[in-house]
Amino acid sequence: MQNRRKLLLRVIAATVLLGAYPAFVLGYTWSYVARADLPGGRHGPLDAYRHALASAVVAYSVSPHVVEWTSRVMERSGNPANVMDRHNNRIGAAIGSRARSFGEIEPTVHAQVLIGTDNATEPAQITWLSREQWRKGWLW
């Protein structure tokens, strides 16, 4: 009985810890997204910012490989929005990998979004879909 109780406590602790990290990443990302003065909630600059920021945080705190794996799982289809998301996730992962401190991440991502463009062809430039394709969604 004692061993089962210890095992159960370990499983609960592991579950809490595994749930805490995604909650941290999402909470951090959305706290900045909610305050960002960027248009295009879905498929626009705000969406690009959200993807790049979350990916930068994950790459900095865990590994860019986790960003790559997550992108493969969550952005599987070849539709333009998923292609855009994978592109911005790669850029975010590169930013997170190069960051010297956690505080450097958000300003760097924001600056990259400000010089981004719709349908960018440069591999290192943040991109989003054309304005006609932007959608309201989530909170915007």
N, C-alpha and C. Protein backbone atom coordinates (compact mmCIF):
# COMPACT_ATOMS: atom_id res chain seq x y z
N MET A 1 0.83 -1.20 0.00
CA MET A 1 0.00 0.00 0.00
C MET A 1 0.87 1.26 0.00
N GLN A 2 1.92 1.23 0.79
CA GLN A 2 2.84 2.38 0.89
C GLN A 2 3.48 2.67 -0.47
N ASN A 3 3.90 1.62 -1.20
CA ASN A 3 4.53 1.80 -2.51
C ASN A 3 3.56 2.36 -3.53
N ARG A 4 2.31 1.91 -3.47
CA ARG A 4 1.30 2.45 -4.39
C ARG A 4 1.05 3.92 -4.13
N ARG A 5 1.02 4.26 -2.88
CA ARG A 5 0.80 5.67 -2.51
C ARG A 5 1.96 6.54 -3.01
N LYS A 6 3.18 6.08 -2.84
CA LYS A 6 4.35 6.81 -3.34
C LYS A 6 4.30 6.94 -4.85
N LEU A 7 3.93 5.86 -5.52
CA LEU A 7 3.83 5.89 -6.98
C LEU A 7 2.76 6.88 -7.42
N LEU A 8 1.62 6.85 -6.77
CA LEU A 8 0.54 7.78 -7.09
C LEU A 8 0.99 9.23 -6.88
N LEU A 9 1.67 9.50 -5.79
CA LEU A 9 2.17 10.86 -5.54
C LEU A 9 3.18 11.29 -6.59
N ARG A 10 4.02 10.37 -7.02
CA ARG A 10 4.99 10.68 -8.08
C ARG A 10 4.30 10.97 -9.41
N VAL A 11 3.29 10.19 -9.73
CA VAL A 11 2.54 10.41 -10.96
C VAL A 11 1.83 11.76 -10.91
N ILE A 12 1.24 12.08 -9.79
CA ILE A 12 0.56 13.38 -9.63
C ILE A 12 1.57 14.52 -9.76
N ALA A 13 2.72 14.39 -9.11
CA ALA A 13 3.76 15.43 -9.17
C ALA A 13 4.26 15.61 -10.60
N ALA A 14 4.48 14.51 -11.29
CA ALA A 14 4.95 14.59 -12.69
C ALA A 14 3.90 15.24 -13.57
N THR A 15 2.65 14.90 -13.35
CA THR A 15 1.56 15.49 -14.13
C THR A 15 1.47 16.99 -13.91
N VAL A 16 1.58 17.40 -12.67
CA VAL A 16 1.54 18.83 -12.35
C VAL A 16 2.71 19.55 -13.01
N LEU A 17 3.89 18.98 -12.91
CA LEU A 17 5.07 19.61 -13.52
C LEU A 17 4.95 19.66 -15.04
N LEU A 18 4.49 18.57 -15.65
CA LEU A 18 4.33 18.56 -17.10
C LEU A 18 3.26 19.55 -17.56
N GLY A 19 2.26 19.77 -16.76
CA GLY A 19 1.22 20.74 -17.09
C GLY A 19 1.64 22.17 -16.81
N ALA A 20 2.54 22.35 -15.86
CA ALA A 20 2.96 23.70 -15.49
C ALA A 20 3.77 24.37 -16.60
N TYR A 21 4.60 23.62 -17.29
CA TYR A 21 5.42 24.25 -18.33
C TYR A 21 4.58 24.80 -19.48
N PRO A 22 3.68 24.01 -20.08
CA PRO A 22 2.84 24.60 -21.13
C PRO A 22 2.01 25.77 -20.62
N ALA A 23 1.53 25.67 -19.39
CA ALA A 23 0.76 26.78 -18.82
C ALA A 23 1.62 28.03 -18.71
N PHE A 24 2.88 27.87 -18.33
CA PHE A 24 3.79 29.01 -18.26
C PHE A 24 3.99 29.62 -19.65
N VAL A 25 4.29 28.78 -20.64
CA VAL A 25 4.55 29.29 -21.99
C VAL A 25 3.32 30.01 -22.53
N LEU A 26 2.16 29.39 -22.40
CA LEU A 26 0.93 30.02 -22.89
C LEU A 26 0.60 31.30 -22.13
N GLY A 27 0.73 31.26 -20.82
CA GLY A 27 0.45 32.46 -20.01
C GLY A 27 1.38 33.61 -20.36
N TYR A 28 2.66 33.32 -20.48
CA TYR A 28 3.64 34.34 -20.84
C TYR A 28 3.32 34.92 -22.22
N THR A 29 3.13 34.03 -23.17
CA THR A 29 2.87 34.46 -24.55
C THR A 29 1.60 35.30 -24.63
N TRP A 30 0.51 34.80 -24.08
CA TRP A 30 -0.76 35.51 -24.17
C TRP A 30 -0.75 36.82 -23.40
N SER A 31 0.06 36.92 -22.35
CA SER A 31 0.13 38.20 -21.62
C SER A 31 0.71 39.29 -22.52
N TYR A 32 1.63 38.93 -23.39
CA TYR A 32 2.18 39.90 -24.34
C TYR A 32 1.26 40.11 -25.54
N VAL A 33 0.65 39.04 -26.01
CA VAL A 33 -0.27 39.15 -27.15
C VAL A 33 -1.43 40.08 -26.79
N ALA A 34 -1.94 39.96 -25.58
CA ALA A 34 -3.08 40.78 -25.15
C ALA A 34 -2.74 42.27 -25.14
N ARG A 35 -1.48 42.59 -24.94
CA ARG A 35 -1.06 44.00 -24.88
C ARG A 35 -0.45 44.51 -26.17
N ALA A 36 -0.21 43.62 -27.11
CA ALA A 36 0.46 44.01 -28.35
C ALA A 36 -0.45 44.88 -29.21
N ASP A 37 0.12 45.90 -29.76
CA ASP A 37 -0.62 46.79 -30.66
C ASP A 37 -0.34 46.36 -32.10
N LEU A 38 -0.78 45.14 -32.41
CA LEU A 38 -0.55 44.58 -33.74
C LEU A 38 -1.89 44.12 -34.31
N PRO A 39 -2.10 44.32 -35.59
CA PRO A 39 -3.36 43.88 -36.22
C PRO A 39 -3.30 42.39 -36.59
N GLY A 40 -4.42 41.88 -37.03
CA GLY A 40 -4.46 40.54 -37.60
C GLY A 40 -4.41 39.43 -36.59
N GLY A 41 -5.49 39.22 -35.84
CA GLY A 41 -5.53 38.19 -34.81
C GLY A 41 -5.19 36.80 -35.31
N ARG A 42 -5.72 36.41 -36.43
CA ARG A 42 -5.37 35.12 -37.04
C ARG A 42 -4.88 35.37 -38.45
N HIS A 43 -3.74 34.85 -38.73
CA HIS A 43 -3.09 34.92 -40.05
C HIS A 43 -2.43 36.26 -40.34
N GLY A 44 -2.44 37.18 -39.39
CA GLY A 44 -1.81 38.48 -39.58
C GLY A 44 -0.60 38.65 -38.66
N PRO A 45 -0.13 39.88 -38.50
CA PRO A 45 1.05 40.14 -37.68
C PRO A 45 0.92 39.67 -36.23
N LEU A 46 -0.26 39.81 -35.63
CA LEU A 46 -0.43 39.37 -34.25
C LEU A 46 -0.27 37.86 -34.13
N ASP A 47 -0.79 37.13 -35.08
CA ASP A 47 -0.64 35.68 -35.11
C ASP A 47 0.83 35.30 -35.28
N ALA A 48 1.53 35.99 -36.16
CA ALA A 48 2.96 35.74 -36.38
C ALA A 48 3.74 36.01 -35.09
N TYR A 49 3.40 37.08 -34.41
CA TYR A 49 4.04 37.44 -33.13
C TYR A 49 3.83 36.33 -32.10
N ARG A 50 2.60 35.86 -32.00
CA ARG A 50 2.26 34.81 -31.03
C ARG A 50 3.09 33.55 -31.28
N HIS A 51 3.16 33.11 -32.52
CA HIS A 51 3.92 31.90 -32.85
C HIS A 51 5.41 32.09 -32.60
N ALA A 52 5.95 33.19 -33.05
CA ALA A 52 7.39 33.41 -32.88
C ALA A 52 7.75 33.55 -31.40
N LEU A 53 6.92 34.26 -30.63
CA LEU A 53 7.22 34.45 -29.20
C LEU A 53 7.17 33.13 -28.45
N ALA A 54 6.12 32.36 -28.63
CA ALA A 54 6.01 31.07 -27.93
C ALA A 54 7.18 30.15 -28.32
N SER A 55 7.52 30.13 -29.58
CA SER A 55 8.62 29.28 -30.05
C SER A 55 9.96 29.73 -29.48
N ALA A 56 10.15 31.03 -29.38
CA ALA A 56 11.39 31.55 -28.80
C ALA A 56 11.51 31.14 -27.34
N VAL A 57 10.43 31.23 -26.61
CA VAL A 57 10.44 30.84 -25.19
C VAL A 57 10.77 29.36 -25.04
N VAL A 58 10.14 28.52 -25.85
CA VAL A 58 10.40 27.07 -25.76
C VAL A 58 11.84 26.76 -26.16
N ALA A 59 12.33 27.36 -27.22
CA ALA A 59 13.70 27.11 -27.64
C ALA A 59 14.70 27.56 -26.59
N TYR A 60 14.44 28.70 -25.98
CA TYR A 60 15.35 29.22 -24.95
C TYR A 60 15.34 28.33 -23.70
N SER A 61 14.13 27.93 -23.28
CA SER A 61 14.01 27.24 -22.00
C SER A 61 14.15 25.72 -22.09
N VAL A 62 13.93 25.15 -23.27
CA VAL A 62 14.06 23.69 -23.42
C VAL A 62 15.02 23.39 -24.57
N SER A 63 14.52 23.55 -25.82
CA SER A 63 15.34 23.23 -26.98
C SER A 63 14.61 23.61 -28.26
N PRO A 64 15.33 24.05 -29.28
CA PRO A 64 14.69 24.30 -30.56
C PRO A 64 14.12 23.02 -31.18
N HIS A 65 14.63 21.86 -30.76
CA HIS A 65 14.11 20.60 -31.27
C HIS A 65 12.66 20.38 -30.81
N VAL A 66 12.33 20.87 -29.63
CA VAL A 66 10.96 20.76 -29.14
C VAL A 66 10.03 21.61 -30.01
N VAL A 67 10.51 22.79 -30.42
CA VAL A 67 9.72 23.64 -31.32
C VAL A 67 9.51 22.93 -32.65
N GLU A 68 10.56 22.33 -33.18
CA GLU A 68 10.47 21.62 -34.46
C GLU A 68 9.46 20.48 -34.36
N TRP A 69 9.55 19.70 -33.30
CA TRP A 69 8.64 18.57 -33.11
C TRP A 69 7.20 19.06 -32.96
N THR A 70 7.00 20.07 -32.15
CA THR A 70 5.66 20.61 -31.93
C THR A 70 5.08 21.15 -33.23
N SER A 71 5.89 21.84 -34.01
CA SER A 71 5.43 22.36 -35.30
C SER A 71 5.00 21.23 -36.23
N ARG A 72 5.77 20.15 -36.24
CA ARG A 72 5.41 19.01 -37.09
C ARG A 72 4.06 18.42 -36.68
N VAL A 73 3.82 18.36 -35.38
CA VAL A 73 2.58 17.77 -34.88
C VAL A 73 1.39 18.71 -35.07
N MET A 74 1.58 19.99 -34.75
CA MET A 74 0.45 20.92 -34.71
C MET A 74 0.19 21.64 -36.02
N GLU A 75 1.17 21.73 -36.89
CA GLU A 75 1.03 22.47 -38.14
C GLU A 75 1.27 21.54 -39.32
N ARG A 76 0.61 20.40 -39.32
CA ARG A 76 0.87 19.35 -40.30
C ARG A 76 0.46 19.67 -41.72
N SER A 77 -0.71 20.22 -41.89
CA SER A 77 -1.20 20.39 -43.26
C SER A 77 -0.38 21.45 -44.01
N GLY A 78 -0.48 21.41 -45.30
CA GLY A 78 0.28 22.35 -46.13
C GLY A 78 -0.51 23.60 -46.49
N ASN A 79 -1.59 23.87 -45.75
CA ASN A 79 -2.35 25.09 -46.07
C ASN A 79 -1.50 26.32 -45.75
N PRO A 80 -1.78 27.44 -46.39
CA PRO A 80 -0.94 28.63 -46.22
C PRO A 80 -0.77 29.08 -44.76
N ALA A 81 -1.81 28.96 -43.95
CA ALA A 81 -1.69 29.38 -42.55
C ALA A 81 -0.71 28.51 -41.79
N ASN A 82 -0.73 27.20 -42.02
CA ASN A 82 0.22 26.31 -41.34
C ASN A 82 1.64 26.50 -41.84
N VAL A 83 1.80 26.76 -43.12
CA VAL A 83 3.13 27.05 -43.67
C VAL A 83 3.68 28.32 -43.01
N MET A 84 2.84 29.34 -42.89
CA MET A 84 3.23 30.58 -42.23
C MET A 84 3.60 30.32 -40.77
N ASP A 85 2.79 29.54 -40.06
CA ASP A 85 3.07 29.26 -38.66
C ASP A 85 4.40 28.52 -38.48
N ARG A 86 4.66 27.51 -39.32
CA ARG A 86 5.94 26.79 -39.24
C ARG A 86 7.12 27.72 -39.49
N HIS A 87 6.97 28.60 -40.47
CA HIS A 87 8.02 29.58 -40.80
C HIS A 87 8.31 30.46 -39.58
N ASN A 88 7.27 31.01 -38.97
CA ASN A 88 7.46 31.89 -37.82
C ASN A 88 7.93 31.13 -36.59
N ASN A 89 7.53 29.87 -36.45
CA ASN A 89 8.03 29.05 -35.35
C ASN A 89 9.55 28.85 -35.49
N ARG A 90 10.02 28.61 -36.72
CA ARG A 90 11.47 28.45 -36.94
C ARG A 90 12.22 29.72 -36.57
N ILE A 91 11.68 30.86 -36.96
CA ILE A 91 12.34 32.13 -36.64
C ILE A 91 12.34 32.35 -35.13
N GLY A 92 11.22 32.08 -34.49
CA GLY A 92 11.16 32.20 -33.03
C GLY A 92 12.15 31.29 -32.35
N ALA A 93 12.26 30.04 -32.83
CA ALA A 93 13.22 29.10 -32.25
C ALA A 93 14.65 29.61 -32.40
N ALA A 94 14.95 30.20 -33.54
CA ALA A 94 16.30 30.76 -33.76
C ALA A 94 16.55 31.92 -32.79
N ILE A 95 15.55 32.76 -32.58
CA ILE A 95 15.70 33.88 -31.64
C ILE A 95 15.94 33.34 -30.24
N GLY A 96 15.14 32.37 -29.81
CA GLY A 96 15.32 31.79 -28.48
C GLY A 96 16.66 31.11 -28.31
N SER A 97 17.13 30.46 -29.35
CA SER A 97 18.43 29.77 -29.29
C SER A 97 19.59 30.74 -29.15
N ARG A 98 19.45 31.92 -29.74
CA ARG A 98 20.53 32.92 -29.69
C ARG A 98 20.45 33.84 -28.48
N ALA A 99 19.30 33.88 -27.81
CA ALA A 99 19.11 34.83 -26.70
C ALA A 99 20.11 34.56 -25.58
N ARG A 100 20.67 35.63 -25.05
CA ARG A 100 21.60 35.53 -23.93
C ARG A 100 20.88 35.57 -22.60
N SER A 101 19.63 36.09 -22.60
CA SER A 101 18.83 36.14 -21.38
C SER A 101 17.35 36.04 -21.76
N PHE A 102 16.55 35.63 -20.79
CA PHE A 102 15.12 35.50 -21.04
C PHE A 102 14.50 36.85 -21.39
N GLY A 103 14.97 37.90 -20.76
CA GLY A 103 14.44 39.24 -20.99
C GLY A 103 14.70 39.77 -22.39
N GLU A 104 15.58 39.16 -23.10
CA GLU A 104 15.93 39.57 -24.46
C GLU A 104 14.92 39.03 -25.50
N ILE A 105 14.19 38.01 -25.13
CA ILE A 105 13.35 37.29 -26.09
C ILE A 105 12.23 38.16 -26.66
N GLU A 106 11.36 38.68 -25.81
CA GLU A 106 10.19 39.41 -26.31
C GLU A 106 10.57 40.63 -27.13
N PRO A 107 11.49 41.49 -26.66
CA PRO A 107 11.84 42.65 -27.50
C PRO A 107 12.40 42.26 -28.87
N THR A 108 13.16 41.18 -28.92
CA THR A 108 13.73 40.74 -30.19
C THR A 108 12.63 40.23 -31.12
N VAL A 109 11.71 39.44 -30.59
CA VAL A 109 10.60 38.94 -31.40
C VAL A 109 9.76 40.12 -31.90
N HIS A 110 9.44 41.04 -31.02
CA HIS A 110 8.61 42.19 -31.40
C HIS A 110 9.29 43.00 -32.51
N ALA A 111 10.58 43.22 -32.36
CA ALA A 111 11.32 43.97 -33.38
C ALA A 111 11.29 43.25 -34.73
N GLN A 112 11.38 41.93 -34.70
CA GLN A 112 11.34 41.16 -35.95
C GLN A 112 9.96 41.22 -36.60
N VAL A 113 8.92 41.24 -35.80
CA VAL A 113 7.57 41.35 -36.35
C VAL A 113 7.39 42.72 -37.01
N LEU A 114 7.94 43.75 -36.40
CA LEU A 114 7.80 45.10 -36.97
C LEU A 114 8.46 45.23 -38.33
N ILE A 115 9.45 44.40 -38.63
CA ILE A 115 10.08 44.46 -39.95
C ILE A 115 9.64 43.29 -40.84
N GLY A 116 8.62 42.55 -40.36
CA GLY A 116 8.06 41.46 -41.15
C GLY A 116 7.16 42.00 -42.25
N THR A 117 6.64 41.11 -43.05
CA THR A 117 5.77 41.51 -44.15
C THR A 117 4.85 40.35 -44.54
N ASP A 118 3.84 40.68 -45.31
CA ASP A 118 2.97 39.61 -45.78
C ASP A 118 3.68 38.82 -46.87
N ASN A 119 3.49 37.52 -46.82
CA ASN A 119 4.06 36.60 -47.80
C ASN A 119 5.56 36.79 -48.03
N ALA A 120 6.30 36.96 -46.94
CA ALA A 120 7.74 37.15 -47.02
C ALA A 120 8.40 35.95 -47.71
N THR A 121 9.42 36.23 -48.49
CA THR A 121 10.16 35.16 -49.17
C THR A 121 11.51 34.91 -48.52
N GLU A 122 11.94 35.82 -47.66
CA GLU A 122 13.22 35.64 -46.96
C GLU A 122 13.05 34.65 -45.81
N PRO A 123 13.94 33.67 -45.70
CA PRO A 123 13.78 32.66 -44.64
C PRO A 123 13.87 33.22 -43.22
N ALA A 124 14.53 34.35 -43.03
CA ALA A 124 14.70 34.90 -41.69
C ALA A 124 13.75 36.07 -41.42
N GLN A 125 12.76 36.27 -42.26
CA GLN A 125 11.83 37.39 -42.07
C GLN A 125 10.46 36.86 -41.62
N ILE A 126 9.96 37.43 -40.54
CA ILE A 126 8.62 37.10 -40.05
C ILE A 126 7.62 37.37 -41.17
N THR A 127 6.62 36.49 -41.27
CA THR A 127 5.65 36.63 -42.34
C THR A 127 4.23 36.41 -41.84
N TRP A 128 3.29 36.86 -42.62
CA TRP A 128 1.87 36.61 -42.38
C TRP A 128 1.17 36.60 -43.72
N LEU A 129 -0.08 36.20 -43.70
CA LEU A 129 -0.85 36.14 -44.94
C LEU A 129 -1.31 37.54 -45.33
N SER A 130 -1.81 37.68 -46.55
CA SER A 130 -2.31 38.97 -47.01
C SER A 130 -3.52 39.39 -46.18
N ARG A 131 -3.75 40.68 -46.09
CA ARG A 131 -4.79 41.24 -45.24
C ARG A 131 -6.17 40.61 -45.50
N GLU A 132 -6.45 40.28 -46.73
CA GLU A 132 -7.76 39.68 -47.07
C GLU A 132 -7.96 38.32 -46.39
N GLN A 133 -6.88 37.69 -45.99
CA GLN A 133 -6.96 36.36 -45.38
C GLN A 133 -6.97 36.41 -43.85
N TRP A 134 -6.82 37.58 -43.27
CA TRP A 134 -6.83 37.67 -41.81
C TRP A 134 -8.22 37.32 -41.29
N ARG A 135 -8.24 36.70 -40.14
CA ARG A 135 -9.50 36.32 -39.51
C ARG A 135 -9.49 36.75 -38.06
N LYS A 136 -10.66 37.07 -37.60
CA LYS A 136 -10.79 37.29 -36.15
C LYS A 136 -10.86 35.92 -35.52
N GLY A 137 -10.31 35.81 -34.38
CA GLY A 137 -10.34 34.52 -33.71
C GLY A 137 -9.71 34.62 -32.34
N TRP A 138 -9.82 33.56 -31.61
CA TRP A 138 -9.38 33.50 -30.24
C TRP A 138 -9.95 34.70 -29.51
N LEU A 139 -9.11 35.63 -29.14
CA LEU A 139 -9.59 36.81 -28.42
C LEU A 139 -9.73 38.01 -29.34
N TRP A 140 -9.22 37.89 -30.59
CA TRP A 140 -9.24 39.05 -31.47
C TRP A 140 -9.89 38.73 -32.78
